[in-house]
Amino acid sequence: MMTVVERPQRTEARPRFSLGHASRLGLTLRMKLLIAAHVVIFIASQVVDEFVEWLALEIGLLPAQAAVLEVTIGLVLFLLWTACMLGWVRQGDTK
């Protein structure tokens, strides 16, 4: 005579597989905004030459003035990038 052995039902959820530590990979709204700001600043830094050239033609800047404007805008973008990076580092420290 055969006896039927009942298997116990699993009550626990299966572990979720992910790369890295799960609590560190969560994207908060602040982190999403920092990533979006990085993308916008990166794109702006790629087109700053064309923007300054267009602006110089529109308002009649001399080449020396256009060069100063280009360096100034580049410096502002660099400072914005640095601020975003500091925000990103601080976001990692607060968890």
N, C-alpha and C. Protein backbone atom coordinates (compact mmCIF):
# COMPACT_ATOMS: atom_id res chain seq x y z
N MET A 1 0.82 -1.15 0.00
CA MET A 1 0.00 0.00 0.00
C MET A 1 0.89 1.25 0.00
N MET A 2 0.51 2.24 -0.82
CA MET A 2 1.28 3.48 -0.95
C MET A 2 0.70 4.57 -0.08
N THR A 3 1.59 5.29 0.55
CA THR A 3 1.12 6.43 1.33
C THR A 3 1.47 7.71 0.59
N VAL A 4 0.58 8.64 0.66
CA VAL A 4 0.79 9.92 0.01
C VAL A 4 1.38 10.89 1.03
N VAL A 5 2.51 11.45 0.66
CA VAL A 5 3.17 12.40 1.55
C VAL A 5 2.85 13.80 1.03
N GLU A 6 2.28 14.58 1.89
CA GLU A 6 1.95 15.96 1.50
C GLU A 6 3.18 16.84 1.68
N ARG A 7 3.40 17.67 0.67
CA ARG A 7 4.51 18.62 0.76
C ARG A 7 4.04 19.87 1.48
N PRO A 8 4.87 20.40 2.33
CA PRO A 8 4.47 21.64 3.00
C PRO A 8 4.46 22.80 2.00
N GLN A 9 3.47 23.63 2.12
CA GLN A 9 3.36 24.79 1.24
C GLN A 9 4.37 25.86 1.68
N ARG A 10 4.96 26.49 0.68
CA ARG A 10 5.89 27.59 0.99
C ARG A 10 5.08 28.83 1.35
N THR A 11 5.41 29.37 2.47
CA THR A 11 4.70 30.57 2.89
C THR A 11 5.54 31.83 2.68
N GLU A 12 6.82 31.65 2.49
CA GLU A 12 7.68 32.81 2.31
C GLU A 12 7.79 33.14 0.82
N ALA A 13 8.00 34.40 0.54
CA ALA A 13 8.17 34.83 -0.84
C ALA A 13 9.58 34.49 -1.31
N ARG A 14 9.68 34.22 -2.58
CA ARG A 14 11.01 33.93 -3.13
C ARG A 14 11.84 35.20 -3.14
N PRO A 15 13.14 35.05 -2.94
CA PRO A 15 13.98 36.25 -2.95
C PRO A 15 14.03 36.85 -4.34
N ARG A 16 14.06 38.17 -4.39
CA ARG A 16 14.14 38.88 -5.66
C ARG A 16 15.61 39.01 -6.04
N PHE A 17 15.94 38.62 -7.24
CA PHE A 17 17.31 38.69 -7.69
C PHE A 17 17.57 40.07 -8.30
N SER A 18 18.67 40.69 -7.89
CA SER A 18 19.04 41.98 -8.44
C SER A 18 20.56 42.12 -8.34
N LEU A 19 21.07 43.06 -9.10
CA LEU A 19 22.49 43.33 -9.05
C LEU A 19 22.77 44.33 -7.94
N GLY A 20 23.75 44.07 -7.14
CA GLY A 20 24.11 45.00 -6.08
C GLY A 20 23.20 44.88 -4.87
N HIS A 21 23.38 45.77 -3.97
CA HIS A 21 22.61 45.79 -2.74
C HIS A 21 21.26 46.45 -3.02
N ALA A 22 20.17 45.77 -2.72
CA ALA A 22 18.84 46.24 -3.10
C ALA A 22 18.49 47.59 -2.48
N SER A 23 18.90 47.84 -1.25
CA SER A 23 18.53 49.11 -0.64
C SER A 23 19.32 50.28 -1.22
N ARG A 24 20.44 50.02 -1.84
CA ARG A 24 21.24 51.10 -2.42
C ARG A 24 20.82 51.40 -3.86
N LEU A 25 20.07 50.52 -4.49
CA LEU A 25 19.70 50.72 -5.88
C LEU A 25 18.37 51.41 -6.06
N GLY A 26 17.68 51.73 -5.00
CA GLY A 26 16.40 52.40 -5.12
C GLY A 26 16.56 53.83 -5.62
N LEU A 27 15.76 54.21 -6.61
CA LEU A 27 15.84 55.57 -7.14
C LEU A 27 14.75 56.43 -6.50
N THR A 28 15.17 57.36 -5.71
CA THR A 28 14.24 58.30 -5.11
C THR A 28 13.98 59.42 -6.11
N LEU A 29 13.02 60.26 -5.81
CA LEU A 29 12.72 61.39 -6.69
C LEU A 29 13.93 62.32 -6.80
N ARG A 30 14.61 62.53 -5.68
CA ARG A 30 15.79 63.39 -5.70
C ARG A 30 16.87 62.83 -6.61
N MET A 31 17.07 61.51 -6.57
CA MET A 31 18.08 60.88 -7.41
C MET A 31 17.70 60.98 -8.88
N LYS A 32 16.42 60.80 -9.18
CA LYS A 32 15.96 60.92 -10.57
C LYS A 32 16.18 62.34 -11.08
N LEU A 33 15.92 63.33 -10.24
CA LEU A 33 16.14 64.71 -10.64
C LEU A 33 17.62 65.02 -10.84
N LEU A 34 18.47 64.45 -9.99
CA LEU A 34 19.91 64.64 -10.17
C LEU A 34 20.40 64.02 -11.47
N ILE A 35 19.90 62.85 -11.81
CA ILE A 35 20.28 62.21 -13.07
C ILE A 35 19.79 63.04 -14.25
N ALA A 36 18.56 63.53 -14.17
CA ALA A 36 18.02 64.36 -15.25
C ALA A 36 18.84 65.65 -15.39
N ALA A 37 19.23 66.24 -14.28
CA ALA A 37 20.04 67.46 -14.33
C ALA A 37 21.40 67.18 -14.96
N HIS A 38 21.99 66.04 -14.63
CA HIS A 38 23.26 65.67 -15.25
C HIS A 38 23.12 65.54 -16.76
N VAL A 39 22.04 64.93 -17.21
CA VAL A 39 21.83 64.76 -18.65
C VAL A 39 21.67 66.12 -19.32
N VAL A 40 20.87 67.00 -18.72
CA VAL A 40 20.65 68.33 -19.30
C VAL A 40 21.95 69.13 -19.34
N ILE A 41 22.72 69.09 -18.28
CA ILE A 41 23.99 69.83 -18.24
C ILE A 41 24.97 69.25 -19.25
N PHE A 42 25.00 67.93 -19.40
CA PHE A 42 25.89 67.32 -20.38
C PHE A 42 25.53 67.76 -21.79
N ILE A 43 24.24 67.73 -22.11
CA ILE A 43 23.81 68.14 -23.45
C ILE A 43 24.11 69.63 -23.67
N ALA A 44 23.87 70.45 -22.66
CA ALA A 44 24.18 71.88 -22.78
C ALA A 44 25.67 72.11 -23.00
N SER A 45 26.50 71.33 -22.35
CA SER A 45 27.94 71.50 -22.53
C SER A 45 28.39 71.07 -23.93
N GLN A 46 27.63 70.19 -24.57
CA GLN A 46 27.98 69.77 -25.92
C GLN A 46 27.61 70.81 -26.97
N VAL A 47 26.59 71.62 -26.70
CA VAL A 47 26.12 72.59 -27.69
C VAL A 47 26.48 74.03 -27.32
N VAL A 48 27.33 74.24 -26.34
CA VAL A 48 27.65 75.61 -25.91
C VAL A 48 28.38 76.37 -27.02
N ASP A 49 29.20 75.71 -27.81
CA ASP A 49 29.91 76.39 -28.90
C ASP A 49 28.92 76.95 -29.92
N GLU A 50 27.97 76.12 -30.34
CA GLU A 50 26.99 76.56 -31.32
C GLU A 50 26.09 77.65 -30.75
N PHE A 51 25.74 77.54 -29.47
CA PHE A 51 24.89 78.54 -28.84
C PHE A 51 25.60 79.89 -28.81
N VAL A 52 26.86 79.90 -28.42
CA VAL A 52 27.60 81.16 -28.35
C VAL A 52 27.80 81.74 -29.74
N GLU A 53 28.05 80.90 -30.72
CA GLU A 53 28.19 81.38 -32.10
C GLU A 53 26.89 82.03 -32.59
N TRP A 54 25.76 81.38 -32.32
CA TRP A 54 24.46 81.93 -32.71
C TRP A 54 24.20 83.25 -31.98
N LEU A 55 24.47 83.27 -30.67
CA LEU A 55 24.24 84.47 -29.88
C LEU A 55 25.13 85.62 -30.34
N ALA A 56 26.38 85.32 -30.68
CA ALA A 56 27.30 86.35 -31.16
C ALA A 56 26.80 86.96 -32.46
N LEU A 57 26.25 86.15 -33.34
CA LEU A 57 25.70 86.68 -34.58
C LEU A 57 24.44 87.50 -34.35
N GLU A 58 23.61 87.06 -33.40
CA GLU A 58 22.35 87.75 -33.14
C GLU A 58 22.55 89.12 -32.50
N ILE A 59 23.46 89.23 -31.56
CA ILE A 59 23.63 90.51 -30.86
C ILE A 59 24.91 91.23 -31.25
N GLY A 60 25.65 90.69 -32.20
CA GLY A 60 26.82 91.38 -32.74
C GLY A 60 28.01 91.46 -31.81
N LEU A 61 28.36 90.34 -31.20
CA LEU A 61 29.53 90.31 -30.32
C LEU A 61 30.81 90.20 -31.14
N LEU A 62 31.85 90.81 -30.65
CA LEU A 62 33.17 90.64 -31.24
C LEU A 62 33.69 89.23 -30.91
N PRO A 63 34.62 88.71 -31.70
CA PRO A 63 35.14 87.37 -31.41
C PRO A 63 35.75 87.24 -30.00
N ALA A 64 36.40 88.27 -29.51
CA ALA A 64 36.97 88.21 -28.16
C ALA A 64 35.87 88.15 -27.11
N GLN A 65 34.80 88.91 -27.33
CA GLN A 65 33.67 88.87 -26.41
C GLN A 65 32.98 87.51 -26.44
N ALA A 66 32.87 86.92 -27.63
CA ALA A 66 32.25 85.60 -27.76
C ALA A 66 33.07 84.55 -27.04
N ALA A 67 34.39 84.68 -27.10
CA ALA A 67 35.25 83.72 -26.41
C ALA A 67 35.08 83.83 -24.89
N VAL A 68 34.98 85.06 -24.39
CA VAL A 68 34.77 85.25 -22.96
C VAL A 68 33.42 84.68 -22.54
N LEU A 69 32.39 84.91 -23.36
CA LEU A 69 31.06 84.37 -23.07
C LEU A 69 31.07 82.84 -23.06
N GLU A 70 31.80 82.26 -24.00
CA GLU A 70 31.87 80.80 -24.07
C GLU A 70 32.56 80.22 -22.83
N VAL A 71 33.63 80.83 -22.40
CA VAL A 71 34.33 80.37 -21.20
C VAL A 71 33.44 80.55 -19.97
N THR A 72 32.72 81.67 -19.91
CA THR A 72 31.85 81.93 -18.76
C THR A 72 30.73 80.91 -18.68
N ILE A 73 30.09 80.63 -19.81
CA ILE A 73 29.01 79.63 -19.82
C ILE A 73 29.57 78.25 -19.48
N GLY A 74 30.75 77.93 -19.99
CA GLY A 74 31.39 76.66 -19.66
C GLY A 74 31.69 76.53 -18.18
N LEU A 75 32.14 77.62 -17.57
CA LEU A 75 32.42 77.61 -16.14
C LEU A 75 31.14 77.43 -15.33
N VAL A 76 30.06 78.11 -15.73
CA VAL A 76 28.78 77.95 -15.04
C VAL A 76 28.29 76.51 -15.14
N LEU A 77 28.40 75.92 -16.33
CA LEU A 77 27.99 74.52 -16.50
C LEU A 77 28.85 73.59 -15.64
N PHE A 78 30.14 73.87 -15.56
CA PHE A 78 31.02 73.07 -14.71
C PHE A 78 30.61 73.16 -13.25
N LEU A 79 30.28 74.37 -12.79
CA LEU A 79 29.85 74.55 -11.40
C LEU A 79 28.52 73.85 -11.13
N LEU A 80 27.61 73.90 -12.10
CA LEU A 80 26.35 73.18 -11.96
C LEU A 80 26.58 71.67 -11.90
N TRP A 81 27.47 71.17 -12.75
CA TRP A 81 27.81 69.74 -12.74
C TRP A 81 28.39 69.35 -11.38
N THR A 82 29.27 70.19 -10.85
CA THR A 82 29.88 69.92 -9.55
C THR A 82 28.82 69.90 -8.44
N ALA A 83 27.88 70.83 -8.50
CA ALA A 83 26.81 70.86 -7.49
C ALA A 83 25.96 69.60 -7.58
N CYS A 84 25.68 69.13 -8.78
CA CYS A 84 24.91 67.89 -8.93
C CYS A 84 25.69 66.69 -8.39
N MET A 85 26.99 66.66 -8.64
CA MET A 85 27.80 65.56 -8.12
C MET A 85 27.84 65.57 -6.60
N LEU A 86 27.95 66.75 -6.01
CA LEU A 86 27.93 66.83 -4.55
C LEU A 86 26.57 66.40 -4.00
N GLY A 87 25.51 66.76 -4.68
CA GLY A 87 24.20 66.30 -4.28
C GLY A 87 24.06 64.80 -4.37
N TRP A 88 24.66 64.23 -5.40
CA TRP A 88 24.62 62.77 -5.58
C TRP A 88 25.39 62.08 -4.47
N VAL A 89 26.57 62.62 -4.12
CA VAL A 89 27.37 62.03 -3.05
C VAL A 89 26.65 62.15 -1.72
N ARG A 90 26.05 63.31 -1.47
CA ARG A 90 25.31 63.50 -0.21
C ARG A 90 24.10 62.58 -0.15
N GLN A 91 23.47 62.32 -1.30
CA GLN A 91 22.32 61.40 -1.33
C GLN A 91 22.76 60.01 -0.88
N GLY A 92 23.94 59.59 -1.29
CA GLY A 92 24.44 58.29 -0.89
C GLY A 92 24.81 58.22 0.58
N ASP A 93 25.23 59.35 1.15
CA ASP A 93 25.62 59.39 2.56
C ASP A 93 24.43 59.36 3.50
N THR A 94 23.26 59.81 3.04
CA THR A 94 22.12 59.94 3.96
C THR A 94 21.37 58.63 4.14
N LYS A 95 21.65 57.63 3.35
CA LYS A 95 20.91 56.37 3.49
C LYS A 95 21.47 55.51 4.59
